[in-house]
Amino acid sequence: MLRSSSSERGPLWRDPAVRALVIQALLLLGLAALIVMLVTNTLANLEARGITTGLGFLQERAGFSIPQTLIAYSGDSTYGRTFVVGLLNTLLVSGLGIVAATVIGFAVGIARLSSNWLLARLAAAYVEIFRNIPLLVQILFWYFAVLQALPSPRQSLSLFEALFLNVRGLVMPAPVAQPGFDATLWALALAVAAVVGLSLYARRLQTRTGKALPVYRLGALILLGLPLAVFLVTGRPLAWDVPALAGFNFSGGVTIIPELMALWLALSIYTASFIAEIVRSGIQSVPSGQVEAARAISLPGNITLRKIVIPQAMRVIVPQLTSQYLNLIKNSSLATAIGYPDLVAVFAGTTLNQTGQAIEIIAMTMAVYLLISLVVSALMNLYNARTLMKER
């Protein structure tokens, strides 16, 4: 006689798939119960202490000043504007740090593989020194040992009587747009679009016919020539506000505060030491036969590096480079050690101390760093997918 399918399988509690579903369901229920208990307990404790919850505090007057703001801000501004100011300062130092660390890291990484003995040893020394000194120590070094040792404004270090470096920062001329300058900005936007279009066209042309266009030269000519031509035709509609010493400080121009310079230098130099090793390993992952073949057909070294080695090395470099970018962004929160007004300092620090809204402020700060990290990861993954070598 044939047995039924249910009798062949046996009881449900003996089925591994069913047991796995039941265990997962119980774990989810337990986690949900734990979250509900924590939220309920937290709300009860806040109510017992008379602390209100919600985001209404963002509309209250902040009452404190911030030394560096990229948007209009005063002591009468709200805590919500404080949040925006801190966020923009974080994005500023992170963006500058990523650009500088990438340039320095690639240069040092390539130098490590140089046939020049002295250059290779100097690059190796750079990597071993800066990646083994804690980042916080480097930040404090640049701020206290270097920038705070500069002279007062009256004895500033001057370059062409236009740039002034002193203990209060770097003072430089500020551009002041005149009527008609918008045309130059539109010309720049048009030049960028033209360069992107030229790059896409050149790639398709090379794929179809094998003919390579001088994209870098033509792109540089378009990117510089078109805005410059429009700028000259419209009568040079740009003036400069040159700083001048007035009493004990400078008036006019724009000042880069020492906190920003110290943090930027430390983040860039520290992260570049790791990027250099990533670049070196990526280049060494390319089979040596590729370089030997390029030499066999008498390709110059710079073209071999730019057209053959680097494109293949990027598949190894980009994933690790993403991690370093994320580390740099998160390490920027060490700005509180020297008083740079980033998101952690002005929002998770001063604002939290004045309002007592710890849960909301810390949650918003964590969410911002999470969102920035996810956006950077998505952009880097998109770039990696577009540049990934594909089989024909």
Protein backbone atom coordinates (compact mmCIF):
# COMPACT_ATOMS: atom_id res chain seq x y z
CA MET A 1 0.00 0.00 0.00
CA LEU A 2 1.06 3.57 -0.71
CA ARG A 3 1.44 5.86 2.28
CA SER A 4 0.07 9.40 2.20
CA SER A 5 2.45 12.29 1.67
CA SER A 6 1.71 13.68 5.14
CA SER A 7 2.67 10.41 6.81
CA GLU A 8 5.91 10.31 4.78
CA ARG A 9 6.88 13.81 5.96
CA GLY A 10 6.02 13.09 9.55
CA PRO A 11 4.92 15.71 12.15
CA LEU A 12 5.36 19.35 11.25
CA TRP A 13 7.58 20.02 14.25
CA ARG A 14 10.15 17.64 12.73
CA ASP A 15 10.28 19.59 9.43
CA PRO A 16 13.50 21.73 9.42
CA ALA A 17 11.88 24.44 7.24
CA VAL A 18 8.91 24.79 9.59
CA ARG A 19 11.14 24.84 12.67
CA ALA A 20 13.29 27.59 11.08
CA LEU A 21 10.21 29.73 10.34
CA VAL A 22 8.88 29.29 13.87
CA ILE A 23 12.23 30.19 15.45
CA GLN A 24 12.56 33.30 13.25
CA ALA A 25 9.02 34.36 14.10
CA LEU A 26 9.68 33.96 17.83
CA LEU A 27 12.92 35.98 17.54
CA LEU A 28 11.09 38.79 15.70
CA LEU A 29 8.35 38.84 18.31
CA GLY A 30 10.93 38.93 21.10
CA LEU A 31 12.81 41.79 19.41
CA ALA A 32 9.59 43.74 18.87
CA ALA A 33 8.62 43.24 22.50
CA LEU A 34 12.05 44.44 23.64
CA ILE A 35 11.79 47.58 21.50
CA VAL A 36 8.27 48.33 22.80
CA MET A 37 9.47 47.88 26.38
CA LEU A 38 12.46 50.20 25.86
CA VAL A 39 10.35 52.91 24.18
CA THR A 40 7.63 52.70 26.84
CA ASN A 41 10.18 52.81 29.67
CA THR A 42 12.01 55.75 28.08
CA LEU A 43 8.81 57.77 27.58
CA ALA A 44 7.74 57.07 31.16
CA ASN A 45 11.10 58.22 32.54
CA LEU A 46 11.05 61.39 30.43
CA GLU A 47 7.52 62.21 31.59
CA ALA A 48 8.50 61.64 35.21
CA ARG A 49 11.35 64.15 34.84
CA GLY A 50 9.21 66.71 33.03
CA ILE A 51 11.13 66.45 29.75
CA THR A 52 8.98 66.91 26.67
CA THR A 53 9.59 64.88 23.54
CA GLY A 54 9.28 65.84 19.90
CA LEU A 55 10.99 68.14 17.43
CA GLY A 56 9.37 71.37 18.57
CA PHE A 57 12.67 72.56 20.03
CA LEU A 58 13.99 73.06 16.49
CA GLN A 59 11.88 76.22 16.24
CA GLU A 60 13.28 77.73 19.45
CA ARG A 61 15.95 80.46 19.54
CA ALA A 62 19.46 79.06 19.77
CA GLY A 63 21.12 82.05 21.48
CA PHE A 64 24.75 81.19 20.66
CA SER A 65 27.12 82.11 17.84
CA ILE A 66 29.06 79.82 15.50
CA PRO A 67 32.49 80.90 14.20
CA GLN A 68 32.07 79.42 10.70
CA THR A 69 28.78 79.40 8.80
CA LEU A 70 28.15 78.75 5.11
CA ILE A 71 24.66 80.26 5.38
CA ALA A 72 23.33 83.29 7.22
CA TYR A 73 23.27 82.63 10.97
CA SER A 74 23.13 84.65 14.20
CA GLY A 75 22.36 84.10 17.87
CA ASP A 76 18.69 84.77 17.08
CA SER A 77 18.51 81.83 14.67
CA THR A 78 16.68 78.64 15.59
CA TYR A 79 18.09 75.28 16.62
CA GLY A 80 16.89 73.96 13.26
CA ARG A 81 19.23 76.39 11.51
CA THR A 82 22.00 75.32 13.88
CA PHE A 83 21.48 71.77 12.64
CA VAL A 84 21.82 72.92 9.00
CA VAL A 85 24.97 74.95 9.77
CA GLY A 86 26.62 71.98 11.48
CA LEU A 87 25.63 69.65 8.66
CA LEU A 88 27.08 71.96 6.00
CA ASN A 89 30.34 72.33 7.95
CA THR A 90 30.59 68.54 8.20
CA LEU A 91 29.98 68.14 4.47
CA LEU A 92 32.55 70.88 3.73
CA VAL A 93 35.45 69.32 5.63
CA SER A 94 34.48 65.83 4.45
CA GLY A 95 34.36 66.86 0.80
CA LEU A 96 37.66 68.74 0.97
CA GLY A 97 39.24 65.83 2.81
CA ILE A 98 38.07 63.25 0.28
CA VAL A 99 39.47 65.25 -2.64
CA ALA A 100 42.83 65.92 -0.98
CA ALA A 101 43.21 62.39 0.41
CA THR A 102 42.46 60.88 -3.01
CA VAL A 103 45.02 63.04 -4.81
CA ILE A 104 47.72 62.51 -2.18
CA GLY A 105 46.95 58.81 -1.81
CA PHE A 106 47.16 58.09 -5.53
CA ALA A 107 50.40 60.07 -5.85
CA VAL A 108 52.03 58.32 -2.89
CA GLY A 109 50.75 54.90 -3.94
CA ILE A 110 52.22 55.24 -7.41
CA ALA A 111 55.44 56.66 -5.95
CA ARG A 112 55.81 53.56 -3.78
CA LEU A 113 56.24 51.51 -6.94
CA SER A 114 58.64 53.97 -8.57
CA SER A 115 61.98 52.75 -9.88
CA ASN A 116 63.54 55.78 -8.21
CA TRP A 117 64.95 54.43 -4.92
CA LEU A 118 64.71 57.70 -3.00
CA LEU A 119 61.15 58.47 -4.12
CA ALA A 120 59.94 54.97 -3.26
CA ARG A 121 61.54 55.10 0.22
CA LEU A 122 60.08 58.53 0.95
CA ALA A 123 56.61 57.30 -0.05
CA ALA A 124 57.03 54.22 2.17
CA ALA A 125 58.13 56.41 5.08
CA TYR A 126 55.07 58.63 4.60
CA VAL A 127 52.74 55.63 4.77
CA GLU A 128 54.39 54.02 7.79
CA ILE A 129 54.55 57.26 9.77
CA PHE A 130 51.11 58.75 9.23
CA ARG A 131 48.99 55.62 9.29
CA ASN A 132 50.51 54.49 12.61
CA ILE A 133 49.94 57.75 14.49
CA PRO A 134 46.39 58.08 15.89
CA LEU A 135 44.24 60.54 13.98
CA LEU A 136 43.33 62.51 17.10
CA VAL A 137 47.01 63.05 17.88
CA GLN A 138 47.57 64.34 14.35
CA ILE A 139 44.64 66.74 14.65
CA LEU A 140 46.00 68.11 17.92
CA PHE A 141 49.49 68.38 16.41
CA TRP A 142 48.39 70.46 13.43
CA TYR A 143 46.17 72.67 15.59
CA PHE A 144 48.30 73.32 18.68
CA ALA A 145 51.87 72.69 17.52
CA VAL A 146 51.61 74.27 14.06
CA LEU A 147 48.70 76.67 13.60
CA GLN A 148 48.51 78.02 17.15
CA ALA A 149 52.25 78.77 16.99
CA LEU A 150 51.74 81.26 14.13
CA PRO A 151 52.20 85.00 14.77
CA SER A 152 49.43 87.44 15.66
CA PRO A 153 47.53 89.31 12.91
CA ARG A 154 49.90 92.29 13.11
CA GLN A 155 52.88 90.03 12.31
CA SER A 156 51.06 87.86 9.77
CA LEU A 157 52.96 85.85 7.19
CA SER A 158 52.10 87.57 3.90
CA LEU A 159 52.16 86.47 0.28
CA PHE A 160 51.94 89.27 -2.33
CA GLU A 161 50.13 91.38 0.27
CA ALA A 162 46.97 89.44 -0.56
CA LEU A 163 47.20 86.22 1.48
CA PHE A 164 47.81 86.51 5.21
CA LEU A 165 48.47 83.56 7.56
CA ASN A 166 48.29 84.09 11.32
CA VAL A 167 47.06 82.47 14.50
CA ARG A 168 43.47 83.35 13.59
CA GLY A 169 43.56 81.58 10.27
CA LEU A 170 44.23 82.18 6.59
CA VAL A 171 42.85 85.47 5.26
CA MET A 172 42.45 85.77 1.49
CA PRO A 173 40.63 87.97 -1.02
CA ALA A 174 36.95 87.21 -1.48
CA PRO A 175 35.37 87.23 -4.97
CA VAL A 176 32.46 89.64 -5.39
CA ALA A 177 30.20 88.92 -8.38
CA GLN A 178 29.17 91.94 -10.45
CA PRO A 179 26.14 92.31 -12.76
CA GLY A 180 26.57 90.02 -15.74
CA PHE A 181 28.58 87.33 -13.95
CA ASP A 182 25.67 84.90 -14.30
CA ALA A 183 26.60 84.48 -17.96
CA THR A 184 29.98 83.06 -16.95
CA LEU A 185 28.31 80.56 -14.62
CA TRP A 186 25.94 79.44 -17.38
CA ALA A 187 28.90 79.10 -19.73
CA LEU A 188 30.66 76.92 -17.16
CA ALA A 189 27.58 74.69 -16.81
CA LEU A 190 27.36 74.41 -20.60
CA ALA A 191 31.07 73.54 -20.79
CA VAL A 192 30.65 70.76 -18.22
CA ALA A 193 27.73 69.32 -20.19
CA ALA A 194 29.77 69.53 -23.41
CA VAL A 195 32.71 67.71 -21.80
CA VAL A 196 30.40 64.93 -20.56
CA GLY A 197 28.89 64.59 -24.02
CA LEU A 198 32.34 64.55 -25.63
CA SER A 199 33.49 61.82 -23.24
CA LEU A 200 30.47 59.62 -24.05
CA TYR A 201 30.90 60.18 -27.78
CA ALA A 202 34.64 59.40 -27.64
CA ARG A 203 33.99 56.17 -25.75
CA ARG A 204 31.42 55.00 -28.26
CA LEU A 205 33.64 56.00 -31.18
CA GLN A 206 36.57 54.05 -29.76
CA THR A 207 34.40 51.01 -29.15
CA ARG A 208 33.01 51.11 -32.68
CA THR A 209 36.08 52.09 -34.71
CA GLY A 210 39.08 51.85 -32.37
CA LYS A 211 39.90 55.53 -32.94
CA ALA A 212 40.76 57.43 -29.76
CA LEU A 213 40.05 61.15 -29.44
CA PRO A 214 42.22 63.42 -27.23
CA VAL A 215 39.41 63.77 -24.69
CA TYR A 216 41.56 65.24 -21.92
CA ARG A 217 42.99 68.02 -24.09
CA LEU A 218 39.71 68.86 -25.78
CA GLY A 219 37.86 68.69 -22.46
CA ALA A 220 40.32 71.02 -20.74
CA LEU A 221 40.11 73.43 -23.68
CA ILE A 222 36.31 73.52 -23.54
CA LEU A 223 36.11 73.65 -19.75
CA LEU A 224 38.54 76.56 -19.48
CA GLY A 225 38.13 78.31 -22.80
CA LEU A 226 34.35 78.75 -23.00
CA PRO A 227 33.81 80.31 -19.52
CA LEU A 228 36.93 82.45 -19.94
CA ALA A 229 35.75 83.73 -23.32
CA VAL A 230 32.32 84.63 -21.92
CA PHE A 231 33.95 86.25 -18.88
CA LEU A 232 36.12 88.49 -21.09
CA VAL A 233 33.31 89.34 -23.51
CA THR A 234 31.00 90.43 -20.66
CA GLY A 235 33.63 92.85 -19.35
CA ARG A 236 35.18 90.82 -16.51
CA PRO A 237 32.21 91.13 -14.12
CA LEU A 238 34.12 90.01 -11.01
CA ALA A 239 35.73 92.12 -8.29
CA TRP A 240 37.91 91.14 -5.35
CA ASP A 241 37.47 92.21 -1.73
CA VAL A 242 41.11 92.35 -0.60
CA PRO A 243 41.66 92.05 3.20
CA ALA A 244 43.37 94.91 5.02
CA LEU A 245 44.72 95.16 8.56
CA ALA A 246 42.43 97.31 10.71
CA GLY A 247 43.50 97.55 14.35
CA PHE A 248 44.18 94.11 15.78
CA ASN A 249 42.56 92.10 13.00
CA PHE A 250 41.85 92.06 9.28
CA SER A 251 38.74 93.46 7.67
CA GLY A 252 37.39 92.32 4.33
CA GLY A 253 38.20 89.18 2.44
CA VAL A 254 37.38 85.70 3.69
CA THR A 255 38.97 83.89 6.64
CA ILE A 256 39.58 80.15 6.82
CA ILE A 257 39.58 79.39 10.53
CA PRO A 258 42.52 77.36 11.92
CA GLU A 259 40.17 74.64 13.18
CA LEU A 260 39.11 73.89 9.60
CA MET A 261 42.70 73.88 8.33
CA ALA A 262 43.93 71.58 11.11
CA LEU A 263 41.08 69.12 10.71
CA TRP A 264 41.37 69.13 6.91
CA LEU A 265 45.13 68.55 6.97
CA ALA A 266 44.92 65.74 9.53
CA LEU A 267 42.03 63.93 7.82
CA SER A 268 43.62 64.24 4.37
CA ILE A 269 47.12 63.13 5.35
CA TYR A 270 45.94 60.30 7.60
CA THR A 271 43.43 58.85 5.12
CA ALA A 272 45.86 59.29 2.21
CA SER A 273 48.31 56.91 3.90
CA PHE A 274 45.70 54.13 3.71
CA ILE A 275 44.61 55.05 0.19
CA ALA A 276 48.26 54.86 -0.91
CA GLU A 277 48.44 51.22 0.18
CA ILE A 278 45.14 50.49 -1.56
CA VAL A 279 46.46 52.01 -4.80
CA ARG A 280 49.74 50.10 -4.50
CA SER A 281 47.96 46.76 -3.99
CA GLY A 282 45.57 47.52 -6.84
CA ILE A 283 48.40 48.26 -9.26
CA GLN A 284 50.30 45.16 -8.18
CA SER A 285 47.18 43.04 -8.79
CA VAL A 286 47.44 43.76 -12.53
CA PRO A 287 49.32 40.91 -14.25
CA SER A 288 52.87 41.90 -15.12
CA GLY A 289 52.34 40.61 -18.62
CA GLN A 290 50.12 43.61 -19.32
CA VAL A 291 52.97 46.02 -18.61
CA GLU A 292 55.47 43.90 -20.52
CA ALA A 293 53.18 43.83 -23.55
CA ALA A 294 52.86 47.61 -23.43
CA ARG A 295 56.63 47.96 -23.31
CA ALA A 296 56.98 45.55 -26.20
CA ILE A 297 55.00 47.88 -28.45
CA SER A 298 56.93 50.92 -27.12
CA LEU A 299 54.07 52.56 -25.24
CA PRO A 300 55.28 55.42 -23.00
CA GLY A 301 55.18 54.76 -19.26
CA ASN A 302 52.53 57.40 -18.52
CA ILE A 303 50.18 56.02 -21.19
CA THR A 304 50.74 52.47 -19.93
CA LEU A 305 49.85 53.57 -16.42
CA ARG A 306 46.84 55.67 -17.44
CA LYS A 307 45.36 53.46 -20.16
CA ILE A 308 46.29 49.92 -19.12
CA VAL A 309 47.29 49.60 -15.47
CA ILE A 310 44.98 52.02 -13.63
CA PRO A 311 41.73 50.95 -15.41
CA GLN A 312 42.38 47.32 -14.44
CA ALA A 313 43.53 48.22 -10.95
CA MET A 314 40.35 50.21 -10.23
CA ARG A 315 38.33 47.01 -9.80
CA VAL A 316 40.47 46.31 -6.73
CA ILE A 317 40.86 49.93 -5.61
CA VAL A 318 37.26 51.20 -5.67
CA PRO A 319 35.65 48.87 -3.06
CA GLN A 320 38.42 49.59 -0.54
CA LEU A 321 38.39 53.27 -1.46
CA THR A 322 34.71 53.44 -0.50
CA SER A 323 35.54 52.26 3.02
CA GLN A 324 38.21 54.94 3.39
CA TYR A 325 35.80 57.66 2.26
CA LEU A 326 33.25 56.50 4.82
CA ASN A 327 35.92 56.39 7.53
CA LEU A 328 36.99 59.95 6.69
CA ILE A 329 33.42 61.24 6.94
CA LYS A 330 32.87 59.56 10.30
CA ASN A 331 36.30 60.59 11.59
CA SER A 332 35.37 64.23 10.95
CA SER A 333 33.34 64.03 14.18
CA LEU A 334 36.69 64.33 16.03
CA ALA A 335 36.37 68.03 15.22
CA THR A 336 35.02 68.55 18.73
CA ALA A 337 38.57 68.08 20.07
CA ILE A 338 39.68 71.43 18.57
CA GLY A 339 36.35 73.25 18.46
CA TYR A 340 35.52 73.02 14.76
CA PRO A 341 31.75 73.67 14.48
CA ASP A 342 30.66 70.47 12.78
CA LEU A 343 27.36 68.65 13.31
CA VAL A 344 28.53 66.83 16.44
CA ALA A 345 29.97 69.96 18.06
CA VAL A 346 27.15 72.46 17.48
CA PHE A 347 24.14 70.13 17.40
CA ALA A 348 24.98 66.99 19.38
CA GLY A 349 27.05 69.15 21.73
CA THR A 350 25.91 72.72 22.40
CA THR A 351 22.29 72.26 21.27
CA LEU A 352 21.89 69.08 23.32
CA ASN A 353 23.31 70.73 26.44
CA GLN A 354 20.95 73.70 26.14
CA THR A 355 17.74 71.81 25.29
CA GLY A 356 18.19 68.44 26.98
CA GLN A 357 16.51 66.72 24.00
CA ALA A 358 19.09 63.95 23.99
CA ILE A 359 17.05 61.25 22.26
CA GLU A 360 15.89 63.40 19.36
CA ILE A 361 19.26 65.09 18.80
CA ILE A 362 21.34 61.91 18.96
CA ALA A 363 18.83 60.09 16.73
CA MET A 364 18.97 62.92 14.15
CA THR A 365 22.78 62.97 14.24
CA MET A 366 23.02 59.21 13.79
CA ALA A 367 20.49 59.33 10.96
CA VAL A 368 22.49 62.04 9.15
CA TYR A 369 25.75 60.09 9.29
CA LEU A 370 23.91 56.95 8.18
CA LEU A 371 22.30 58.77 5.25
CA ILE A 372 25.61 60.33 4.16
CA SER A 373 27.33 56.94 4.31
CA LEU A 374 24.57 55.26 2.30
CA VAL A 375 24.67 57.99 -0.37
CA VAL A 376 28.47 57.78 -0.69
CA SER A 377 28.32 53.98 -0.86
CA ALA A 378 25.61 54.10 -3.54
CA LEU A 379 27.57 56.57 -5.67
CA MET A 380 30.79 54.57 -5.38
CA ASN A 381 28.95 51.32 -6.20
CA LEU A 382 27.40 53.01 -9.23
CA TYR A 383 30.83 54.18 -10.39
CA ASN A 384 32.26 50.72 -9.79
CA ALA A 385 29.50 49.09 -11.83
CA ARG A 386 29.96 51.51 -14.75
CA THR A 387 33.72 51.09 -14.89
CA LEU A 388 33.80 47.34 -14.28
CA MET A 389 35.48 45.39 -17.04
CA LYS A 390 32.97 43.29 -18.97
CA GLU A 391 33.57 40.16 -20.98
CA ARG A 392 32.98 40.50 -24.73
